[in-house]
Amino acid sequence: VSIAARESSVDARGLQSIDGVRTGIALSVGANSNVSLRNSTVENSHRSGVRLRLANRSSASLEHVLVLNSGSDGIMVSVDDEGSSASLSRVRSLSSHGSGVKVETQGTVML
């Protein structure tokens, strides 16, 4: 599943990715956008379970997200500027081959 938002708002709920060759759910958020991912599951992704990248005064939230058996980091969050922010609430990453949750930020991240 891949979602890219630019100057928009996206509310994604109930997504499920199983046996993905790449990242289970990839979210790219930029240019004054807001994205939320809720009640979603990723199983057996060959790369990251969930990858979230924010830039240009954007925001995102992950809530009730479960990642099982990812080939790399379970949940990867990258915030590229000080005007962007991410919030993670009730997320779980089990059996990841990298970090369970990895955060790289120049902005704000609330865990």
C-alpha atoms as a PDB file:
ATOM      1  CA  VAL A   1       0.000   0.000   0.000  1.00  0.00           C
ATOM      2  CA  SER A   2       1.457   3.367  -0.971  1.00  0.00           C
ATOM      3  CA  ILE A   3      -0.070   6.740  -0.093  1.00  0.00           C
ATOM      4  CA  ALA A   4       1.376  10.107  -1.162  1.00  0.00           C
ATOM      5  CA  ALA A   5      -0.257  13.346  -0.011  1.00  0.00           C
ATOM      6  CA  ARG A   6       0.478  16.896  -1.142  1.00  0.00           C
ATOM      7  CA  GLU A   7      -1.680  19.781   0.073  1.00  0.00           C
ATOM      8  CA  SER A   8      -4.384  17.341   1.147  1.00  0.00           C
ATOM      9  CA  SER A   9      -5.750  15.325   4.034  1.00  0.00           C
ATOM     10  CA  VAL A  10      -5.957  11.519   4.098  1.00  0.00           C
ATOM     11  CA  ASP A  11      -7.621   9.323   6.727  1.00  0.00           C
ATOM     12  CA  ALA A  12      -6.709   5.677   6.064  1.00  0.00           C
ATOM     13  CA  ARG A  13      -8.374   3.034   8.252  1.00  0.00           C
ATOM     14  CA  GLY A  14      -8.377  -0.725   8.298  1.00  0.00           C
ATOM     15  CA  LEU A  15      -5.576  -1.285   5.798  1.00  0.00           C
ATOM     16  CA  GLN A  16      -3.977  -4.719   5.668  1.00  0.00           C
ATOM     17  CA  SER A  17      -0.795  -5.737   3.871  1.00  0.00           C
ATOM     18  CA  ILE A  18       0.313  -9.382   3.853  1.00  0.00           C
ATOM     19  CA  ASP A  19       3.473 -10.840   2.265  1.00  0.00           C
ATOM     20  CA  GLY A  20       4.548  -7.610   0.560  1.00  0.00           C
ATOM     21  CA  VAL A  21       7.711  -7.770  -1.532  1.00  0.00           C
ATOM     22  CA  ARG A  22       8.560  -4.210  -0.505  1.00  0.00           C
ATOM     23  CA  THR A  23       7.341  -1.990   2.326  1.00  0.00           C
ATOM     24  CA  GLY A  24       3.953  -3.033   3.713  1.00  0.00           C
ATOM     25  CA  ILE A  25       2.505   0.503   3.988  1.00  0.00           C
ATOM     26  CA  ALA A  26       4.436   3.537   2.716  1.00  0.00           C
ATOM     27  CA  LEU A  27       3.215   7.040   3.551  1.00  0.00           C
ATOM     28  CA  SER A  28       4.831  10.102   1.983  1.00  0.00           C
ATOM     29  CA  VAL A  29       3.441  13.356   3.343  1.00  0.00           C
ATOM     30  CA  GLY A  30       4.401  16.850   2.200  1.00  0.00           C
ATOM     31  CA  ALA A  31       3.350  20.403   1.422  1.00  0.00           C
ATOM     32  CA  ASN A  32       0.860  21.267   4.167  1.00  0.00           C
ATOM     33  CA  SER A  33      -0.733  17.813   4.320  1.00  0.00           C
ATOM     34  CA  ASN A  34      -2.149  15.697   7.118  1.00  0.00           C
ATOM     35  CA  VAL A  35      -2.307  11.897   7.030  1.00  0.00           C
ATOM     36  CA  SER A  36      -3.615   9.468   9.620  1.00  0.00           C
ATOM     37  CA  LEU A  37      -3.288   5.691   9.573  1.00  0.00           C
ATOM     38  CA  ARG A  38      -5.491   3.780  12.012  1.00  0.00           C
ATOM     39  CA  ASN A  39      -6.473   0.213  12.813  1.00  0.00           C
ATOM     40  CA  SER A  40      -4.092  -1.322  10.277  1.00  0.00           C
ATOM     41  CA  THR A  41      -1.924  -4.445  10.102  1.00  0.00           C
ATOM     42  CA  VAL A  42       1.201  -5.406   8.168  1.00  0.00           C
ATOM     43  CA  GLU A  43       2.430  -9.019   8.114  1.00  0.00           C
ATOM     44  CA  ASN A  44       5.569 -10.480   6.503  1.00  0.00           C
ATOM     45  CA  SER A  45       6.847  -7.471   4.559  1.00  0.00           C
ATOM     46  CA  HIS A  46      10.271  -8.002   3.002  1.00  0.00           C
ATOM     47  CA  ARG A  47      11.371  -4.456   3.902  1.00  0.00           C
ATOM     48  CA  SER A  48       9.932  -2.062   6.500  1.00  0.00           C
ATOM     49  CA  GLY A  49       6.452  -2.789   7.791  1.00  0.00           C
ATOM     50  CA  VAL A  50       5.359   0.868   7.823  1.00  0.00           C
ATOM     51  CA  ARG A  51       7.472   3.698   6.409  1.00  0.00           C
ATOM     52  CA  LEU A  52       6.375   7.268   7.120  1.00  0.00           C
ATOM     53  CA  ARG A  53       8.188  10.276   5.657  1.00  0.00           C
ATOM     54  CA  LEU A  54       7.149  13.871   6.340  1.00  0.00           C
ATOM     55  CA  ALA A  55       8.338  17.201   4.958  1.00  0.00           C
ATOM     56  CA  ASN A  56       7.228  20.786   4.237  1.00  0.00           C
ATOM     57  CA  ARG A  57       5.006  21.608   7.224  1.00  0.00           C
ATOM     58  CA  SER A  58       3.098  18.327   7.226  1.00  0.00           C
ATOM     59  CA  SER A  59       1.765  16.101   9.987  1.00  0.00           C
ATOM     60  CA  ALA A  60       0.873  12.454  10.413  1.00  0.00           C
ATOM     61  CA  SER A  61      -0.444  10.114  13.066  1.00  0.00           C
ATOM     62  CA  LEU A  62      -0.289   6.349  13.446  1.00  0.00           C
ATOM     63  CA  GLU A  63      -2.784   4.759  15.835  1.00  0.00           C
ATOM     64  CA  HIS A  64      -3.553   1.096  16.495  1.00  0.00           C
ATOM     65  CA  VAL A  65      -1.002  -0.162  13.949  1.00  0.00           C
ATOM     66  CA  LEU A  66       0.429  -3.686  14.226  1.00  0.00           C
ATOM     67  CA  VAL A  67       3.516  -4.890  12.322  1.00  0.00           C
ATOM     68  CA  LEU A  68       4.477  -8.577  12.383  1.00  0.00           C
ATOM     69  CA  ASN A  69       7.688 -10.060  10.955  1.00  0.00           C
ATOM     70  CA  SER A  70       9.203  -7.316   8.826  1.00  0.00           C
ATOM     71  CA  GLY A  71      12.449  -7.818   6.905  1.00  0.00           C
ATOM     72  CA  SER A  72      13.870  -4.489   8.078  1.00  0.00           C
ATOM     73  CA  ASP A  73      12.592  -1.910  10.585  1.00  0.00           C
ATOM     74  CA  GLY A  74       9.066  -2.549  11.807  1.00  0.00           C
ATOM     75  CA  ILE A  75       8.023   1.108  11.774  1.00  0.00           C
ATOM     76  CA  MET A  76      10.286   3.771  10.246  1.00  0.00           C
ATOM     77  CA  VAL A  77       9.467   7.456  10.785  1.00  0.00           C
ATOM     78  CA  SER A  78      11.464  10.196   9.084  1.00  0.00           C
ATOM     79  CA  VAL A  79      10.628  13.872   9.730  1.00  0.00           C
ATOM     80  CA  ASP A  80      12.662  16.068   7.395  1.00  0.00           C
ATOM     81  CA  ASP A  81      12.000  19.599   8.668  1.00  0.00           C
ATOM     82  CA  GLU A  82      11.232  21.515  11.855  1.00  0.00           C
ATOM     83  CA  GLY A  83       7.736  22.471  10.678  1.00  0.00           C
ATOM     84  CA  SER A  84       6.542  18.853  10.452  1.00  0.00           C
ATOM     85  CA  SER A  85       5.367  16.509  13.178  1.00  0.00           C
ATOM     86  CA  ALA A  86       4.398  12.881  13.704  1.00  0.00           C
ATOM     87  CA  SER A  87       2.452  11.155  16.455  1.00  0.00           C
ATOM     88  CA  LEU A  88       2.547   7.419  17.225  1.00  0.00           C
ATOM     89  CA  SER A  89      -0.022   5.938  19.577  1.00  0.00           C
ATOM     90  CA  ARG A  90      -0.731   2.286  20.351  1.00  0.00           C
ATOM     91  CA  VAL A  91       1.652   0.934  17.715  1.00  0.00           C
ATOM     92  CA  ARG A  92       3.273  -2.506  17.997  1.00  0.00           C
ATOM     93  CA  SER A  93       6.119  -4.056  16.060  1.00  0.00           C
ATOM     94  CA  LEU A  94       6.913  -7.740  16.651  1.00  0.00           C
ATOM     95  CA  SER A  95       9.679  -9.897  15.127  1.00  0.00           C
ATOM     96  CA  SER A  96      11.369  -7.185  13.054  1.00  0.00           C
ATOM     97  CA  HIS A  97      14.786  -7.908  11.562  1.00  0.00           C
ATOM     98  CA  GLY A  98      15.855  -4.306  12.210  1.00  0.00           C
ATOM     99  CA  SER A  99      14.613  -1.818  14.787  1.00  0.00           C
ATOM    100  CA  GLY A 100      11.105  -2.253  16.150  1.00  0.00           C
ATOM    101  CA  VAL A 101      10.406   1.478  15.796  1.00  0.00           C
ATOM    102  CA  LYS A 102      13.036   3.767  14.260  1.00  0.00           C
ATOM    103  CA  VAL A 103      12.720   7.561  14.293  1.00  0.00           C
ATOM    104  CA  GLU A 104      14.889  10.077  12.416  1.00  0.00           C
ATOM    105  CA  THR A 105      13.776  13.644  12.988  1.00  0.00           C
ATOM    106  CA  GLN A 106      14.482  17.320  12.551  1.00  0.00           C
ATOM    107  CA  GLY A 107      10.896  18.130  13.530  1.00  0.00           C
ATOM    108  CA  THR A 108       8.633  16.876  16.301  1.00  0.00           C
ATOM    109  CA  VAL A 109       7.707  13.275  17.092  1.00  0.00           C
ATOM    110  CA  MET A 110       5.378  12.307  19.921  1.00  0.00           C
ATOM    111  CA  LEU A 111       5.543   8.697  21.076  1.00  0.00           C
END
